[in-house]
Amino acid sequence: MKTKSIIACLFLMLATQVVSAQNEGERIIRAMVEKMKSHKNVEMVFNFSINPNDNDLGETEKSHAWLQGEAYKIEIAEQQTISDGKTIWSYLIEDEEVIVSNASEGSDNTPLKVLTTLDESYVATLSSINSQGIASIELANPNGQYKRVMLKVNTKKHELNHADIFMEDGSKIIIDVEEMKYDQTLDDKFFTFDAKKHPNVDVIDMR
């Protein structure tokens, strides 16, 4: 799966807001989003995998994502995607290649815009809440890229615990969150790609 699709899925899980008749599933998701927005920055440590089908388990990768305003950085396997809110650097480490594009183009819109945009195409349904306060919520969008999404949200901490993203091609993306960290000290350069530090990397500027 292309990096841009992975990023879109990841931030959909982090920040989808649902417009429908007010219900408990929507309320839980909105509380999770508001908590994220209330902090200066957020780091998510998670395990990431793609299952091509129900019988084929994909390899699990330890991954990280940081969000600070419109800036973000995502590390999944041998890929890094970095944005300062204006520019996106898609760094393929093994290929020693970085693709530069504008943040305003394509599905890689800034996470802040995803956070603050009400998505009318998704409907939230609360399936259950267990004794530990973990809510199982289904997001359905029959006409969208993601066939359906199953979330597990900690209603006590207002944090995402797990997400299963079912794609139209039958594959499934699995995000299993290990830890959420908040309000860390991150230098502004953390959200940029410094070509001088990577002299062997081929820079492809698509702007």
Protein backbone atom coordinates (compact mmCIF):
# COMPACT_ATOMS: atom_id res chain seq x y z
CA MET A 1 0.00 0.00 0.00
CA LYS A 2 1.26 3.45 -0.87
CA THR A 3 2.48 5.70 1.90
CA LYS A 4 -0.19 8.34 1.22
CA SER A 5 -2.98 5.79 1.67
CA ILE A 6 -1.45 4.62 4.93
CA ILE A 7 -1.23 8.19 6.24
CA ALA A 8 -4.80 8.96 5.26
CA CYS A 9 -5.99 5.85 7.11
CA LEU A 10 -3.93 6.63 10.18
CA PHE A 11 -5.22 10.16 10.62
CA LEU A 12 -8.74 9.10 9.80
CA MET A 13 -8.49 6.82 12.82
CA LEU A 14 -6.99 9.54 14.95
CA ALA A 15 -9.39 12.30 14.12
CA THR A 16 -12.59 11.42 12.27
CA GLN A 17 -15.57 13.41 13.44
CA VAL A 18 -19.01 12.15 12.53
CA VAL A 19 -22.12 14.13 11.63
CA SER A 20 -25.28 12.18 12.37
CA ALA A 21 -28.03 12.15 14.92
CA GLN A 22 -26.32 12.65 18.26
CA ASN A 23 -25.50 9.22 19.71
CA GLU A 24 -23.16 7.68 22.24
CA GLY A 25 -20.68 6.47 19.61
CA GLU A 26 -20.34 9.96 18.19
CA ARG A 27 -20.00 11.47 21.66
CA ILE A 28 -17.11 9.12 22.51
CA ILE A 29 -15.27 9.92 19.27
CA ARG A 30 -15.74 13.68 19.73
CA ALA A 31 -14.35 13.44 23.28
CA MET A 32 -11.27 11.63 21.93
CA VAL A 33 -10.74 14.30 19.26
CA GLU A 34 -11.18 17.17 21.72
CA LYS A 35 -8.58 15.68 24.06
CA MET A 36 -6.05 15.50 21.21
CA LYS A 37 -6.76 19.09 20.20
CA SER A 38 -6.34 20.31 23.78
CA HIS A 39 -2.63 19.39 23.88
CA LYS A 40 0.32 21.15 22.25
CA ASN A 41 1.36 17.91 20.59
CA VAL A 42 0.61 14.21 20.61
CA GLU A 43 2.83 11.17 20.03
CA MET A 44 1.28 7.79 19.30
CA VAL A 45 3.33 4.59 19.63
CA PHE A 46 1.58 1.77 17.81
CA ASN A 47 1.91 -1.55 16.03
CA PHE A 48 0.93 -1.45 12.37
CA SER A 49 0.14 -4.26 9.95
CA ILE A 50 -1.69 -4.88 6.68
CA ASN A 51 -3.54 -8.16 6.21
CA PRO A 52 -4.09 -8.89 2.49
CA ASN A 53 -7.02 -11.15 3.44
CA ASP A 54 -8.51 -12.96 6.43
CA ASN A 55 -6.19 -15.94 6.00
CA ASP A 56 -2.93 -14.07 5.49
CA LEU A 57 -1.53 -12.21 8.50
CA GLY A 58 0.74 -9.32 7.58
CA GLU A 59 4.01 -8.49 9.28
CA THR A 60 3.64 -6.21 12.29
CA GLU A 61 5.78 -3.07 12.40
CA LYS A 62 6.47 -0.95 15.49
CA SER A 63 5.56 2.58 14.44
CA HIS A 64 5.34 6.18 15.67
CA ALA A 65 3.31 9.24 14.78
CA TRP A 66 3.61 12.82 16.07
CA LEU A 67 1.08 15.63 15.57
CA GLN A 68 1.64 19.28 16.48
CA GLY A 69 -0.81 21.74 14.99
CA GLU A 70 -0.63 21.31 11.24
CA ALA A 71 2.77 19.64 11.45
CA TYR A 72 3.20 15.89 11.70
CA LYS A 73 5.72 13.06 11.38
CA ILE A 74 4.94 9.40 10.76
CA GLU A 75 7.39 6.50 10.90
CA ILE A 76 6.16 3.15 9.56
CA ALA A 77 8.71 0.46 8.67
CA GLU A 78 11.21 1.92 6.18
CA GLN A 79 9.07 4.97 5.42
CA GLN A 80 8.93 8.40 7.01
CA THR A 81 6.42 11.07 6.14
CA ILE A 82 7.16 14.53 7.51
CA SER A 83 5.23 17.77 7.17
CA ASP A 84 5.63 21.25 8.61
CA GLY A 85 2.09 22.08 7.51
CA LYS A 86 3.15 23.54 4.18
CA THR A 87 5.43 20.90 2.67
CA ILE A 88 5.36 17.09 2.79
CA TRP A 89 8.51 14.97 2.56
CA SER A 90 7.85 11.29 1.80
CA TYR A 91 11.13 9.56 2.62
CA LEU A 92 11.72 6.00 1.41
CA ILE A 93 14.73 5.00 3.47
CA GLU A 94 15.77 1.82 1.64
CA ASP A 95 15.41 3.49 -1.76
CA GLU A 96 17.32 6.57 -0.53
CA GLU A 97 14.65 8.75 -2.09
CA VAL A 98 12.48 11.56 -0.80
CA ILE A 99 9.48 12.96 -2.67
CA VAL A 100 8.59 16.58 -1.89
CA SER A 101 5.03 17.85 -2.39
CA ASN A 102 2.71 20.59 -1.18
CA ALA A 103 0.63 19.78 1.90
CA SER A 104 -2.44 21.32 0.27
CA GLU A 105 -2.52 18.70 -2.50
CA GLY A 106 -4.15 15.28 -2.53
CA SER A 107 -5.27 13.06 0.34
CA ASP A 108 -2.35 14.15 2.50
CA ASN A 109 -4.21 17.19 3.77
CA THR A 110 -2.88 18.34 7.10
CA PRO A 111 -4.06 16.41 10.18
CA LEU A 112 -5.35 19.66 11.65
CA LYS A 113 -7.81 19.98 8.78
CA VAL A 114 -8.90 16.40 9.34
CA LEU A 115 -9.33 17.17 13.03
CA THR A 116 -11.53 20.18 12.40
CA THR A 117 -13.53 18.95 9.41
CA LEU A 118 -16.88 17.33 10.05
CA ASP A 119 -17.19 14.27 7.82
CA GLU A 120 -20.83 13.72 6.92
CA SER A 121 -20.12 10.47 5.06
CA TYR A 122 -19.36 8.40 8.17
CA VAL A 123 -21.95 7.06 10.59
CA ALA A 124 -20.89 5.93 14.07
CA THR A 125 -22.53 2.99 15.83
CA LEU A 126 -21.63 2.00 19.38
CA SER A 127 -21.54 -1.81 19.65
CA SER A 128 -20.58 -2.23 23.30
CA ILE A 129 -18.62 -0.92 26.29
CA ASN A 130 -16.84 -3.49 28.45
CA SER A 131 -16.19 -3.39 32.18
CA GLN A 132 -12.83 -1.63 31.61
CA GLY A 133 -14.56 1.20 29.77
CA ILE A 134 -13.35 0.16 26.29
CA ALA A 135 -15.96 1.10 23.69
CA SER A 136 -16.29 -0.78 20.40
CA ILE A 137 -17.51 1.61 17.69
CA GLU A 138 -18.14 0.96 14.01
CA LEU A 139 -17.72 3.72 11.43
CA ALA A 140 -19.56 2.91 8.22
CA ASN A 141 -19.17 4.66 4.87
CA PRO A 142 -20.62 2.54 2.04
CA ASN A 143 -19.42 4.93 -0.66
CA GLY A 144 -15.97 5.71 0.70
CA GLN A 145 -12.47 4.32 0.26
CA TYR A 146 -12.73 2.58 3.62
CA LYS A 147 -15.52 0.00 3.61
CA ARG A 148 -15.86 0.12 7.36
CA VAL A 149 -13.75 0.91 10.41
CA MET A 150 -13.87 -0.74 13.81
CA LEU A 151 -12.50 1.35 16.69
CA LYS A 152 -11.77 0.53 20.30
CA VAL A 153 -11.68 3.68 22.42
CA ASN A 154 -10.79 4.00 26.08
CA THR A 155 -13.71 6.06 27.40
CA LYS A 156 -11.93 6.82 30.69
CA LYS A 157 -8.79 8.26 29.07
CA HIS A 158 -10.53 9.36 25.83
CA GLU A 159 -7.82 7.63 23.79
CA LEU A 160 -7.77 5.34 20.77
CA ASN A 161 -6.72 1.79 21.69
CA HIS A 162 -7.17 -0.11 18.43
CA ALA A 163 -8.46 0.26 14.88
CA ASP A 164 -9.32 -2.24 12.14
CA ILE A 165 -9.71 -0.54 8.75
CA PHE A 166 -11.44 -2.66 6.10
CA MET A 167 -10.54 -1.66 2.54
CA GLU A 168 -12.58 -2.09 -0.65
CA ASP A 169 -10.04 -4.62 -2.01
CA GLY A 170 -10.63 -6.96 0.95
CA SER A 171 -7.44 -6.09 2.82
CA LYS A 172 -7.39 -4.86 6.39
CA ILE A 173 -5.14 -2.32 8.11
CA ILE A 174 -4.60 -2.94 11.83
CA ILE A 175 -3.45 -0.23 14.22
CA ASP A 176 -2.81 -1.35 17.80
CA VAL A 177 -1.91 1.58 20.05
CA GLU A 178 0.64 0.96 22.80
CA GLU A 179 1.03 4.46 24.24
CA MET A 180 -0.06 8.07 23.83
CA LYS A 181 2.29 10.87 24.93
CA TYR A 182 1.46 14.56 25.20
CA ASP A 183 3.11 17.99 25.32
CA GLN A 184 6.67 16.97 24.55
CA THR A 185 9.41 19.44 23.68
CA LEU A 186 9.83 19.14 19.91
CA ASP A 187 12.09 21.41 17.89
CA ASP A 188 10.51 23.00 14.80
CA LYS A 189 13.10 21.18 12.66
CA PHE A 190 11.64 17.90 13.92
CA PHE A 191 8.89 18.38 11.33
CA THR A 192 11.17 19.01 8.35
CA PHE A 193 13.51 16.88 6.23
CA ASP A 194 17.11 18.09 6.26
CA ALA A 195 18.67 17.05 2.94
CA LYS A 196 22.11 18.12 4.20
CA LYS A 197 22.02 15.32 6.76
CA HIS A 198 21.19 12.81 4.01
CA PRO A 199 23.66 13.60 1.19
CA ASN A 200 23.04 10.28 -0.59
CA VAL A 201 19.29 10.71 -0.80
CA ASP A 202 17.74 11.55 -4.16
CA VAL A 203 15.34 14.49 -3.72
CA ILE A 204 12.41 14.53 -6.15
CA ASP A 205 10.56 17.84 -5.94
CA MET A 206 6.99 17.50 -7.24
CA ARG A 207 5.85 21.00 -6.28
